[in-house]
Amino acid sequence: MLGLNEKIERSLLKIFLSVVGLILLVGAGGYFSLSAFHAWQVRRLLAEANALVNEGDYKHASLDAQRILELSPENADAMRVIARSAESAGLRSAIEFWRRVTELNENAEGDVTARARCAIRFGDAVSASKALDAMPEPGKRTANYHALRSDTALIRHDLAGYEKELLEAKRRDPQDKKYNLALATLHVAANDFGTSRSRRARIARSV
């Protein structure tokens, strides 16, 4: 009788373990299926959002990006869509959106550059400087980096800093003629200012 009871108990235990295993398997399958579905949704919405930005439909691109962030709150690509949309629409809030992009994407060079350019566009020298301070070291050795520094100095009316950074940009990329043009323009303006000031001084002395 005891042996029969043991057999029954073992059978019941096997059935129980089989049922539990089946439940876990179904649950895991459901979890991974849901995760795969979410990943597919994110990819689809992101492709659609980027296409809409390229078409100039910033409103619907931002809506798609917001839906992505509901599924994946730390998605740098979605935040980038929102930043691009806000900047293209002329919204100053784009500066903060770009800051968030660089935060999520660990200060990738391209995103830091976009953040700095956005801040410069809106005349925000403080935000531009913070962005450029976060530039990865290889990016700080480029002509473009120093050109952005020169633009930031110009916002501050720091002409000495503007010239210094332009000269460094020219040194790093002597083939780019825009640096020569900017320097020539600066020197002409400085000479005109000096000539004008000298003329005013002579007039004042003769009175």
N, C-alpha and C. Protein backbone atom coordinates (compact mmCIF):
# COMPACT_ATOMS: atom_id res chain seq x y z
N MET A 1 0.83 -1.20 0.00
CA MET A 1 0.00 0.00 0.00
C MET A 1 0.86 1.25 0.00
N LEU A 2 1.97 1.18 0.83
CA LEU A 2 2.89 2.30 0.92
C LEU A 2 3.55 2.57 -0.43
N GLY A 3 3.91 1.46 -1.09
CA GLY A 3 4.54 1.62 -2.40
C GLY A 3 3.61 2.27 -3.39
N LEU A 4 2.34 1.93 -3.34
CA LEU A 4 1.36 2.52 -4.25
C LEU A 4 1.21 4.00 -4.00
N ASN A 5 1.18 4.38 -2.71
CA ASN A 5 1.07 5.80 -2.35
C ASN A 5 2.27 6.59 -2.87
N GLU A 6 3.47 6.02 -2.74
CA GLU A 6 4.67 6.69 -3.22
C GLU A 6 4.61 6.90 -4.72
N LYS A 7 4.13 5.88 -5.44
CA LYS A 7 4.02 6.00 -6.89
C LYS A 7 3.04 7.10 -7.28
N ILE A 8 1.92 7.17 -6.54
CA ILE A 8 0.91 8.20 -6.82
C ILE A 8 1.49 9.59 -6.56
N GLU A 9 2.21 9.71 -5.42
CA GLU A 9 2.81 11.00 -5.07
C GLU A 9 3.84 11.42 -6.13
N ARG A 10 4.64 10.48 -6.58
CA ARG A 10 5.64 10.79 -7.61
C ARG A 10 4.98 11.20 -8.91
N SER A 11 3.90 10.53 -9.24
CA SER A 11 3.17 10.86 -10.47
C SER A 11 2.58 12.26 -10.38
N LEU A 12 1.98 12.54 -9.20
CA LEU A 12 1.40 13.88 -9.02
C LEU A 12 2.47 14.96 -9.06
N LEU A 13 3.65 14.66 -8.47
CA LEU A 13 4.76 15.62 -8.48
C LEU A 13 5.24 15.88 -9.90
N LYS A 14 5.34 14.83 -10.69
CA LYS A 14 5.75 14.98 -12.09
C LYS A 14 4.75 15.82 -12.87
N ILE A 15 3.46 15.55 -12.61
CA ILE A 15 2.41 16.33 -13.29
C ILE A 15 2.50 17.80 -12.89
N PHE A 16 2.70 18.04 -11.56
CA PHE A 16 2.79 19.40 -11.06
C PHE A 16 3.98 20.14 -11.68
N LEU A 17 5.13 19.45 -11.70
CA LEU A 17 6.33 20.09 -12.27
C LEU A 17 6.17 20.34 -13.77
N SER A 18 5.51 19.44 -14.44
CA SER A 18 5.26 19.61 -15.88
C SER A 18 4.38 20.82 -16.14
N VAL A 19 3.32 20.96 -15.30
CA VAL A 19 2.40 22.10 -15.45
C VAL A 19 3.13 23.40 -15.18
N VAL A 20 3.92 23.43 -14.08
CA VAL A 20 4.69 24.65 -13.74
C VAL A 20 5.66 24.99 -14.87
N GLY A 21 6.36 23.97 -15.38
CA GLY A 21 7.30 24.20 -16.48
C GLY A 21 6.61 24.76 -17.71
N LEU A 22 5.41 24.20 -17.99
CA LEU A 22 4.66 24.67 -19.16
C LEU A 22 4.22 26.12 -18.99
N ILE A 23 3.78 26.47 -17.77
CA ILE A 23 3.37 27.85 -17.48
C ILE A 23 4.54 28.81 -17.66
N LEU A 24 5.71 28.41 -17.10
CA LEU A 24 6.90 29.26 -17.24
C LEU A 24 7.31 29.42 -18.69
N LEU A 25 7.21 28.32 -19.44
CA LEU A 25 7.59 28.36 -20.85
C LEU A 25 6.68 29.28 -21.64
N VAL A 26 5.37 29.16 -21.37
CA VAL A 26 4.40 30.01 -22.06
C VAL A 26 4.61 31.47 -21.67
N GLY A 27 4.88 31.69 -20.35
CA GLY A 27 5.11 33.06 -19.89
C GLY A 27 6.33 33.68 -20.52
N ALA A 28 7.43 32.90 -20.57
CA ALA A 28 8.66 33.40 -21.18
C ALA A 28 8.46 33.68 -22.67
N GLY A 29 7.74 32.76 -23.32
CA GLY A 29 7.47 32.97 -24.75
C GLY A 29 6.66 34.22 -24.99
N GLY A 30 5.67 34.43 -24.10
CA GLY A 30 4.85 35.63 -24.22
C GLY A 30 5.65 36.89 -23.99
N TYR A 31 6.57 36.84 -22.99
CA TYR A 31 7.40 38.01 -22.68
C TYR A 31 8.30 38.36 -23.86
N PHE A 32 8.96 37.34 -24.40
CA PHE A 32 9.88 37.61 -25.51
C PHE A 32 9.12 38.02 -26.78
N SER A 33 7.92 37.48 -26.95
CA SER A 33 7.11 37.88 -28.10
C SER A 33 6.71 39.34 -27.97
N LEU A 34 6.35 39.76 -26.74
CA LEU A 34 5.96 41.15 -26.50
C LEU A 34 7.16 42.07 -26.70
N SER A 35 8.33 41.65 -26.21
CA SER A 35 9.54 42.45 -26.37
C SER A 35 9.88 42.61 -27.85
N ALA A 36 9.75 41.51 -28.60
CA ALA A 36 10.05 41.57 -30.03
C ALA A 36 9.06 42.49 -30.75
N PHE A 37 7.80 42.45 -30.31
CA PHE A 37 6.79 43.31 -30.91
C PHE A 37 7.09 44.78 -30.63
N HIS A 38 7.47 45.07 -29.38
CA HIS A 38 7.82 46.44 -29.02
C HIS A 38 9.03 46.93 -29.83
N ALA A 39 10.02 46.07 -29.98
CA ALA A 39 11.21 46.44 -30.76
C ALA A 39 10.84 46.72 -32.21
N TRP A 40 9.95 45.91 -32.75
CA TRP A 40 9.48 46.13 -34.12
C TRP A 40 8.73 47.45 -34.23
N GLN A 41 7.87 47.74 -33.23
CA GLN A 41 7.13 49.00 -33.23
C GLN A 41 8.07 50.20 -33.21
N VAL A 42 9.10 50.11 -32.37
CA VAL A 42 10.07 51.20 -32.26
C VAL A 42 10.78 51.43 -33.59
N ARG A 43 11.21 50.35 -34.22
CA ARG A 43 11.91 50.48 -35.52
C ARG A 43 10.99 51.09 -36.57
N ARG A 44 9.74 50.64 -36.60
CA ARG A 44 8.79 51.14 -37.60
C ARG A 44 8.49 52.62 -37.38
N LEU A 45 8.21 52.99 -36.13
CA LEU A 45 7.89 54.38 -35.82
C LEU A 45 9.08 55.30 -36.07
N LEU A 46 10.28 54.80 -35.77
CA LEU A 46 11.47 55.61 -35.96
C LEU A 46 11.72 55.88 -37.45
N ALA A 47 11.56 54.84 -38.27
CA ALA A 47 11.73 55.02 -39.71
C ALA A 47 10.70 56.01 -40.25
N GLU A 48 9.48 55.89 -39.76
CA GLU A 48 8.41 56.80 -40.20
C GLU A 48 8.69 58.23 -39.74
N ALA A 49 9.16 58.39 -38.51
CA ALA A 49 9.44 59.71 -37.96
C ALA A 49 10.55 60.41 -38.73
N ASN A 50 11.61 59.67 -39.03
CA ASN A 50 12.72 60.27 -39.78
C ASN A 50 12.29 60.66 -41.19
N ALA A 51 11.44 59.84 -41.80
CA ALA A 51 10.93 60.16 -43.13
C ALA A 51 10.09 61.43 -43.09
N LEU A 52 9.29 61.57 -42.03
CA LEU A 52 8.45 62.76 -41.89
C LEU A 52 9.28 64.02 -41.66
N VAL A 53 10.35 63.90 -40.89
CA VAL A 53 11.25 65.04 -40.69
C VAL A 53 11.85 65.48 -42.02
N ASN A 54 12.31 64.51 -42.80
CA ASN A 54 12.91 64.82 -44.10
C ASN A 54 11.91 65.47 -45.05
N GLU A 55 10.63 65.16 -44.85
CA GLU A 55 9.58 65.75 -45.68
C GLU A 55 9.11 67.10 -45.13
N GLY A 56 9.61 67.47 -43.94
CA GLY A 56 9.21 68.73 -43.34
C GLY A 56 7.94 68.65 -42.51
N ASP A 57 7.46 67.44 -42.24
CA ASP A 57 6.25 67.27 -41.44
C ASP A 57 6.67 67.05 -39.98
N TYR A 58 7.07 68.14 -39.33
CA TYR A 58 7.64 68.05 -37.99
C TYR A 58 6.61 67.68 -36.93
N LYS A 59 5.38 68.11 -37.12
CA LYS A 59 4.33 67.82 -36.14
C LYS A 59 4.11 66.32 -35.99
N HIS A 60 3.90 65.63 -37.12
CA HIS A 60 3.63 64.20 -37.07
C HIS A 60 4.90 63.40 -36.72
N ALA A 61 6.06 63.93 -37.12
CA ALA A 61 7.32 63.27 -36.74
C ALA A 61 7.48 63.28 -35.23
N SER A 62 7.16 64.40 -34.60
CA SER A 62 7.26 64.51 -33.14
C SER A 62 6.26 63.58 -32.44
N LEU A 63 5.08 63.45 -33.01
CA LEU A 63 4.08 62.55 -32.43
C LEU A 63 4.58 61.10 -32.46
N ASP A 64 5.17 60.70 -33.58
CA ASP A 64 5.74 59.35 -33.67
C ASP A 64 6.86 59.17 -32.65
N ALA A 65 7.70 60.20 -32.52
CA ALA A 65 8.83 60.12 -31.59
C ALA A 65 8.33 60.00 -30.15
N GLN A 66 7.28 60.73 -29.82
CA GLN A 66 6.71 60.64 -28.47
C GLN A 66 6.15 59.25 -28.20
N ARG A 67 5.57 58.63 -29.21
CA ARG A 67 5.07 57.25 -29.04
C ARG A 67 6.24 56.29 -28.81
N ILE A 68 7.35 56.54 -29.49
CA ILE A 68 8.54 55.70 -29.28
C ILE A 68 9.02 55.83 -27.84
N LEU A 69 9.04 57.07 -27.32
CA LEU A 69 9.52 57.30 -25.96
C LEU A 69 8.61 56.67 -24.91
N GLU A 70 7.34 56.50 -25.25
CA GLU A 70 6.43 55.78 -24.35
C GLU A 70 6.83 54.30 -24.25
N LEU A 71 7.32 53.75 -25.37
CA LEU A 71 7.74 52.35 -25.40
C LEU A 71 9.18 52.19 -24.91
N SER A 72 10.00 53.21 -25.20
CA SER A 72 11.42 53.15 -24.88
C SER A 72 11.90 54.53 -24.42
N PRO A 73 11.71 54.85 -23.12
CA PRO A 73 11.97 56.21 -22.60
C PRO A 73 13.40 56.71 -22.80
N GLU A 74 14.37 55.81 -22.95
CA GLU A 74 15.77 56.22 -23.08
C GLU A 74 16.25 56.15 -24.53
N ASN A 75 15.33 56.24 -25.47
CA ASN A 75 15.69 56.10 -26.88
C ASN A 75 16.25 57.41 -27.43
N ALA A 76 17.56 57.44 -27.68
CA ALA A 76 18.23 58.65 -28.17
C ALA A 76 17.77 59.02 -29.57
N ASP A 77 17.47 58.02 -30.40
CA ASP A 77 17.05 58.29 -31.78
C ASP A 77 15.72 59.04 -31.80
N ALA A 78 14.80 58.66 -30.93
CA ALA A 78 13.50 59.34 -30.86
C ALA A 78 13.68 60.77 -30.36
N MET A 79 14.52 60.96 -29.34
CA MET A 79 14.76 62.30 -28.83
C MET A 79 15.43 63.18 -29.89
N ARG A 80 16.26 62.55 -30.72
CA ARG A 80 16.91 63.30 -31.81
C ARG A 80 15.88 63.81 -32.81
N VAL A 81 14.88 62.98 -33.10
CA VAL A 81 13.80 63.40 -34.01
C VAL A 81 13.09 64.62 -33.43
N ILE A 82 12.80 64.58 -32.13
CA ILE A 82 12.12 65.70 -31.48
C ILE A 82 12.99 66.96 -31.53
N ALA A 83 14.30 66.79 -31.29
CA ALA A 83 15.21 67.94 -31.33
C ALA A 83 15.28 68.54 -32.74
N ARG A 84 15.41 67.68 -33.74
CA ARG A 84 15.45 68.17 -35.13
C ARG A 84 14.16 68.88 -35.51
N SER A 85 13.04 68.32 -35.07
CA SER A 85 11.74 68.90 -35.39
C SER A 85 11.59 70.27 -34.74
N ALA A 86 11.96 70.35 -33.46
CA ALA A 86 11.84 71.62 -32.74
C ALA A 86 12.74 72.69 -33.34
N GLU A 87 13.97 72.28 -33.69
CA GLU A 87 14.90 73.26 -34.28
C GLU A 87 14.40 73.73 -35.64
N SER A 88 13.93 72.81 -36.46
CA SER A 88 13.44 73.18 -37.79
C SER A 88 12.21 74.07 -37.70
N ALA A 89 11.44 73.92 -36.62
CA ALA A 89 10.26 74.75 -36.42
C ALA A 89 10.61 76.09 -35.77
N GLY A 90 11.91 76.30 -35.47
CA GLY A 90 12.34 77.56 -34.89
C GLY A 90 12.05 77.70 -33.41
N LEU A 91 11.94 76.57 -32.71
CA LEU A 91 11.63 76.60 -31.28
C LEU A 91 12.92 76.54 -30.45
N ARG A 92 13.08 77.48 -29.54
CA ARG A 92 14.27 77.54 -28.70
C ARG A 92 14.41 76.31 -27.80
N SER A 93 13.30 75.65 -27.52
CA SER A 93 13.33 74.43 -26.69
C SER A 93 14.19 73.34 -27.32
N ALA A 94 14.52 73.49 -28.60
CA ALA A 94 15.37 72.51 -29.28
C ALA A 94 16.72 72.38 -28.59
N ILE A 95 17.21 73.47 -27.99
CA ILE A 95 18.51 73.42 -27.29
C ILE A 95 18.47 72.37 -26.19
N GLU A 96 17.39 72.38 -25.41
CA GLU A 96 17.26 71.42 -24.31
C GLU A 96 17.06 70.00 -24.84
N PHE A 97 16.32 69.87 -25.91
CA PHE A 97 16.13 68.55 -26.50
C PHE A 97 17.48 67.97 -26.98
N TRP A 98 18.30 68.82 -27.61
CA TRP A 98 19.62 68.35 -28.05
C TRP A 98 20.50 67.99 -26.86
N ARG A 99 20.37 68.76 -25.76
CA ARG A 99 21.14 68.42 -24.57
C ARG A 99 20.77 67.01 -24.09
N ARG A 100 19.48 66.70 -24.13
CA ARG A 100 19.01 65.38 -23.71
C ARG A 100 19.53 64.30 -24.65
N VAL A 101 19.60 64.61 -25.94
CA VAL A 101 20.13 63.64 -26.91
C VAL A 101 21.58 63.31 -26.56
N THR A 102 22.39 64.33 -26.30
CA THR A 102 23.81 64.09 -25.99
C THR A 102 23.95 63.30 -24.68
N GLU A 103 23.04 63.55 -23.76
CA GLU A 103 23.06 62.82 -22.49
C GLU A 103 22.75 61.34 -22.72
N LEU A 104 21.75 61.07 -23.55
CA LEU A 104 21.36 59.68 -23.81
C LEU A 104 22.37 58.95 -24.67
N ASN A 105 23.05 59.70 -25.56
CA ASN A 105 23.95 59.06 -26.51
C ASN A 105 25.42 59.26 -26.13
N GLU A 106 25.65 59.54 -24.85
CA GLU A 106 27.01 59.60 -24.29
C GLU A 106 27.91 60.56 -25.07
N ASN A 107 27.38 61.74 -25.37
CA ASN A 107 28.15 62.81 -26.02
C ASN A 107 28.82 62.37 -27.32
N ALA A 108 28.06 61.69 -28.16
CA ALA A 108 28.57 61.33 -29.48
C ALA A 108 28.90 62.62 -30.24
N GLU A 109 29.98 62.60 -30.99
CA GLU A 109 30.49 63.82 -31.63
C GLU A 109 29.44 64.51 -32.49
N GLY A 110 28.72 63.76 -33.29
CA GLY A 110 27.73 64.36 -34.17
C GLY A 110 26.62 65.05 -33.42
N ASP A 111 26.19 64.46 -32.31
CA ASP A 111 25.12 65.04 -31.51
C ASP A 111 25.60 66.28 -30.75
N VAL A 112 26.83 66.24 -30.26
CA VAL A 112 27.39 67.41 -29.58
C VAL A 112 27.49 68.58 -30.57
N THR A 113 27.93 68.28 -31.79
CA THR A 113 28.02 69.32 -32.83
C THR A 113 26.65 69.91 -33.12
N ALA A 114 25.65 69.05 -33.25
CA ALA A 114 24.29 69.53 -33.53
C ALA A 114 23.77 70.38 -32.38
N ARG A 115 24.08 69.98 -31.15
CA ARG A 115 23.65 70.74 -29.98
C ARG A 115 24.30 72.13 -29.97
N ALA A 116 25.59 72.18 -30.25
CA ALA A 116 26.30 73.46 -30.27
C ALA A 116 25.77 74.37 -31.38
N ARG A 117 25.57 73.81 -32.56
CA ARG A 117 25.06 74.61 -33.68
C ARG A 117 23.67 75.18 -33.37
N CYS A 118 22.86 74.36 -32.72
CA CYS A 118 21.51 74.81 -32.36
C CYS A 118 21.60 75.99 -31.39
N ALA A 119 22.45 75.85 -30.37
CA ALA A 119 22.60 76.93 -29.39
C ALA A 119 23.12 78.21 -30.05
N ILE A 120 24.07 78.06 -30.98
CA ILE A 120 24.61 79.21 -31.69
C ILE A 120 23.53 79.87 -32.53
N ARG A 121 22.71 79.05 -33.16
CA ARG A 121 21.63 79.58 -33.98
C ARG A 121 20.71 80.48 -33.17
N PHE A 122 20.45 80.11 -31.91
CA PHE A 122 19.55 80.90 -31.07
C PHE A 122 20.31 81.91 -30.21
N GLY A 123 21.60 82.09 -30.49
CA GLY A 123 22.38 83.11 -29.79
C GLY A 123 22.66 82.80 -28.34
N ASP A 124 22.70 81.52 -27.98
CA ASP A 124 22.93 81.10 -26.60
C ASP A 124 24.38 80.64 -26.45
N ALA A 125 25.25 81.59 -26.09
CA ALA A 125 26.68 81.27 -25.99
C ALA A 125 26.97 80.33 -24.83
N VAL A 126 26.22 80.44 -23.75
CA VAL A 126 26.45 79.58 -22.58
C VAL A 126 26.18 78.12 -22.93
N SER A 127 25.04 77.86 -23.56
CA SER A 127 24.70 76.49 -23.94
C SER A 127 25.66 75.94 -24.99
N ALA A 128 26.08 76.80 -25.92
CA ALA A 128 27.03 76.38 -26.95
C ALA A 128 28.36 75.98 -26.32
N SER A 129 28.82 76.77 -25.36
CA SER A 129 30.09 76.46 -24.68
C SER A 129 30.00 75.16 -23.91
N LYS A 130 28.86 74.95 -23.22
CA LYS A 130 28.69 73.70 -22.46
C LYS A 130 28.70 72.50 -23.40
N ALA A 131 28.07 72.65 -24.55
CA ALA A 131 28.05 71.56 -25.52
C ALA A 131 29.47 71.25 -25.99
N LEU A 132 30.21 72.30 -26.35
CA LEU A 132 31.56 72.10 -26.89
C LEU A 132 32.53 71.59 -25.83
N ASP A 133 32.29 71.95 -24.57
CA ASP A 133 33.13 71.42 -23.49
C ASP A 133 32.96 69.90 -23.36
N ALA A 134 31.78 69.40 -23.77
CA ALA A 134 31.50 67.97 -23.66
C ALA A 134 31.96 67.19 -24.90
N MET A 135 32.53 67.88 -25.87
CA MET A 135 32.98 67.22 -27.10
C MET A 135 34.05 66.18 -26.79
N PRO A 136 33.94 64.97 -27.33
CA PRO A 136 35.00 63.96 -27.16
C PRO A 136 36.33 64.49 -27.67
N GLU A 137 37.40 64.04 -27.08
CA GLU A 137 38.73 64.59 -27.37
C GLU A 137 39.08 64.59 -28.87
N PRO A 138 38.80 63.52 -29.62
CA PRO A 138 39.13 63.57 -31.07
C PRO A 138 38.42 64.71 -31.78
N GLY A 139 37.18 64.99 -31.37
CA GLY A 139 36.41 66.06 -32.00
C GLY A 139 36.99 67.44 -31.74
N LYS A 140 37.70 67.59 -30.63
CA LYS A 140 38.30 68.88 -30.28
C LYS A 140 39.52 69.20 -31.13
N ARG A 141 39.95 68.22 -31.90
CA ARG A 141 41.14 68.45 -32.74
C ARG A 141 40.75 68.74 -34.20
N THR A 142 39.50 69.09 -34.43
CA THR A 142 39.03 69.34 -35.80
C THR A 142 38.85 70.84 -36.05
N ALA A 143 38.90 71.20 -37.32
CA ALA A 143 38.67 72.60 -37.71
C ALA A 143 37.24 73.01 -37.36
N ASN A 144 36.31 72.11 -37.54
CA ASN A 144 34.91 72.43 -37.28
C ASN A 144 34.68 72.79 -35.82
N TYR A 145 35.35 72.10 -34.93
CA TYR A 145 35.23 72.41 -33.50
C TYR A 145 35.65 73.85 -33.23
N HIS A 146 36.80 74.26 -33.78
CA HIS A 146 37.28 75.62 -33.54
C HIS A 146 36.43 76.66 -34.26
N ALA A 147 35.83 76.28 -35.37
CA ALA A 147 34.90 77.19 -36.05
C ALA A 147 33.68 77.44 -35.18
N LEU A 148 33.19 76.38 -34.52
CA LEU A 148 32.06 76.55 -33.60
C LEU A 148 32.45 77.39 -32.40
N ARG A 149 33.68 77.21 -31.93
CA ARG A 149 34.18 78.05 -30.84
C ARG A 149 34.25 79.51 -31.27
N SER A 150 34.62 79.73 -32.51
CA SER A 150 34.70 81.12 -33.00
C SER A 150 33.31 81.74 -33.07
N ASP A 151 32.33 80.98 -33.51
CA ASP A 151 30.95 81.48 -33.56
C ASP A 151 30.45 81.82 -32.16
N THR A 152 30.83 80.99 -31.19
CA THR A 152 30.42 81.23 -29.80
C THR A 152 31.05 82.52 -29.28
N ALA A 153 32.33 82.74 -29.62
CA ALA A 153 33.02 83.96 -29.20
C ALA A 153 32.37 85.19 -29.83
N LEU A 154 31.93 85.05 -31.07
CA LEU A 154 31.30 86.17 -31.77
C LEU A 154 29.98 86.56 -31.09
N ILE A 155 29.23 85.58 -30.62
CA ILE A 155 27.99 85.88 -29.90
C ILE A 155 28.29 86.75 -28.68
N ARG A 156 29.44 86.47 -28.05
CA ARG A 156 29.84 87.22 -26.85
C ARG A 156 30.52 88.55 -27.21
N HIS A 157 30.66 88.83 -28.49
CA HIS A 157 31.37 90.02 -28.97
C HIS A 157 32.85 90.00 -28.55
N ASP A 158 33.38 88.78 -28.42
CA ASP A 158 34.79 88.59 -28.08
C ASP A 158 35.57 88.45 -29.39
N LEU A 159 35.97 89.59 -29.97
CA LEU A 159 36.60 89.56 -31.29
C LEU A 159 37.99 88.93 -31.25
N ALA A 160 38.69 89.10 -30.12
CA ALA A 160 40.01 88.47 -29.99
C ALA A 160 39.86 86.95 -29.99
N GLY A 161 38.87 86.45 -29.23
CA GLY A 161 38.62 85.01 -29.19
C GLY A 161 38.14 84.50 -30.53
N TYR A 162 37.31 85.31 -31.19
CA TYR A 162 36.79 84.96 -32.52
C TYR A 162 37.95 84.76 -33.50
N GLU A 163 38.88 85.71 -33.52
CA GLU A 163 40.02 85.62 -34.43
C GLU A 163 40.91 84.44 -34.09
N LYS A 164 41.17 84.24 -32.81
CA LYS A 164 42.03 83.14 -32.36
C LYS A 164 41.50 81.79 -32.83
N GLU A 165 40.19 81.57 -32.63
CA GLU A 165 39.60 80.29 -33.01
C GLU A 165 39.53 80.12 -34.53
N LEU A 166 39.31 81.22 -35.25
CA LEU A 166 39.31 81.15 -36.71
C LEU A 166 40.70 80.78 -37.23
N LEU A 167 41.71 81.37 -36.64
CA LEU A 167 43.09 81.06 -37.06
C LEU A 167 43.41 79.59 -36.80
N GLU A 168 42.93 79.06 -35.69
CA GLU A 168 43.17 77.64 -35.38
C GLU A 168 42.41 76.74 -36.34
N ALA A 169 41.17 77.14 -36.68
CA ALA A 169 40.40 76.36 -37.65
C ALA A 169 41.10 76.37 -39.01
N LYS A 170 41.62 77.52 -39.40
CA LYS A 170 42.34 77.63 -40.67
C LYS A 170 43.61 76.78 -40.65
N ARG A 171 44.30 76.76 -39.51
CA ARG A 171 45.53 75.95 -39.41
C ARG A 171 45.23 74.47 -39.57
N ARG A 172 44.09 74.04 -39.05
CA ARG A 172 43.74 72.63 -39.11
C ARG A 172 43.14 72.22 -40.46
N ASP A 173 42.59 73.19 -41.16
CA ASP A 173 42.03 72.89 -42.48
C ASP A 173 42.31 74.06 -43.42
N PRO A 174 43.55 74.19 -43.88
CA PRO A 174 43.93 75.33 -44.72
C PRO A 174 43.24 75.37 -46.08
N GLN A 175 42.64 74.26 -46.50
CA GLN A 175 41.98 74.22 -47.80
C GLN A 175 40.60 74.86 -47.79
N ASP A 176 40.03 75.02 -46.60
CA ASP A 176 38.67 75.58 -46.51
C ASP A 176 38.75 77.10 -46.57
N LYS A 177 38.26 77.68 -47.64
CA LYS A 177 38.39 79.11 -47.90
C LYS A 177 37.50 79.97 -47.00
N LYS A 178 36.50 79.38 -46.38
CA LYS A 178 35.58 80.21 -45.59
C LYS A 178 36.27 80.83 -44.38
N TYR A 179 37.33 80.17 -43.88
CA TYR A 179 38.05 80.75 -42.75
C TYR A 179 38.82 81.99 -43.18
N ASN A 180 39.44 81.92 -44.37
CA ASN A 180 40.13 83.10 -44.90
C ASN A 180 39.16 84.25 -45.10
N LEU A 181 37.99 83.95 -45.61
CA LEU A 181 37.00 84.99 -45.86
C LEU A 181 36.54 85.63 -44.56
N ALA A 182 36.29 84.80 -43.55
CA ALA A 182 35.85 85.33 -42.26
C ALA A 182 36.93 86.20 -41.62
N LEU A 183 38.19 85.77 -41.72
CA LEU A 183 39.30 86.55 -41.17
C LEU A 183 39.47 87.87 -41.92
N ALA A 184 39.36 87.81 -43.25
CA ALA A 184 39.48 89.03 -44.05
C ALA A 184 38.38 90.02 -43.70
N THR A 185 37.17 89.51 -43.52
CA THR A 185 36.04 90.37 -43.15
C THR A 185 36.28 91.01 -41.80
N LEU A 186 36.80 90.22 -40.86
CA LEU A 186 37.09 90.74 -39.53
C LEU A 186 38.13 91.85 -39.60
N HIS A 187 39.20 91.65 -40.39
CA HIS A 187 40.27 92.64 -40.48
C HIS A 187 39.81 93.92 -41.16
N VAL A 188 38.98 93.78 -42.19
CA VAL A 188 38.44 94.96 -42.87
C VAL A 188 37.58 95.76 -41.90
N ALA A 189 36.73 95.07 -41.15
CA ALA A 189 35.87 95.75 -40.18
C ALA A 189 36.69 96.44 -39.10
N ALA A 190 37.78 95.78 -38.67
CA ALA A 190 38.64 96.37 -37.64
C ALA A 190 39.35 97.60 -38.19
N ASN A 191 39.82 97.52 -39.45
CA ASN A 191 40.50 98.67 -40.06
C ASN A 191 39.55 99.84 -40.24
N ASP A 192 38.32 99.53 -40.67
CA ASP A 192 37.31 100.58 -40.85
C ASP A 192 37.01 101.25 -39.52
N PHE A 193 36.90 100.43 -38.48
CA PHE A 193 36.62 100.98 -37.16
C PHE A 193 37.78 101.87 -36.69
N GLY A 194 39.03 101.37 -36.92
CA GLY A 194 40.21 102.14 -36.52
C GLY A 194 40.31 103.45 -37.27
N THR A 195 40.03 103.39 -38.58
CA THR A 195 40.08 104.60 -39.40
C THR A 195 39.03 105.61 -38.95
N SER A 196 37.84 105.10 -38.68
CA SER A 196 36.74 105.96 -38.23
C SER A 196 37.08 106.60 -36.89
N ARG A 197 37.65 105.84 -35.99
CA ARG A 197 37.99 106.38 -34.67
C ARG A 197 39.09 107.42 -34.78
N SER A 198 40.08 107.15 -35.66
CA SER A 198 41.15 108.11 -35.87
C SER A 198 40.61 109.41 -36.46
N ARG A 199 39.66 109.28 -37.40
CA ARG A 199 39.08 110.47 -38.01
C ARG A 199 38.32 111.29 -36.98
N ARG A 200 37.58 110.62 -36.10
CA ARG A 200 36.84 111.33 -35.06
C ARG A 200 37.77 112.05 -34.11
N ALA A 201 38.92 111.41 -33.84
CA ALA A 201 39.89 112.01 -32.93
C ALA A 201 40.48 113.28 -33.54
N ARG A 202 40.79 113.23 -34.86
CA ARG A 202 41.36 114.42 -35.52
C ARG A 202 40.35 115.55 -35.54
N ILE A 203 39.09 115.22 -35.79
CA ILE A 203 38.05 116.24 -35.80
C ILE A 203 37.91 116.88 -34.40
N ALA A 204 37.99 116.04 -33.37
CA ALA A 204 37.86 116.54 -32.01
C ALA A 204 39.01 117.48 -31.65
N ARG A 205 40.23 117.15 -32.12
CA ARG A 205 41.39 117.98 -31.83
C ARG A 205 41.34 119.32 -32.55
N SER A 206 40.69 119.31 -33.72
CA SER A 206 40.67 120.55 -34.52
C SER A 206 39.58 121.52 -34.08
N VAL A 207 38.66 121.05 -33.24
CA VAL A 207 37.57 121.92 -32.78
C VAL A 207 38.05 122.86 -31.69
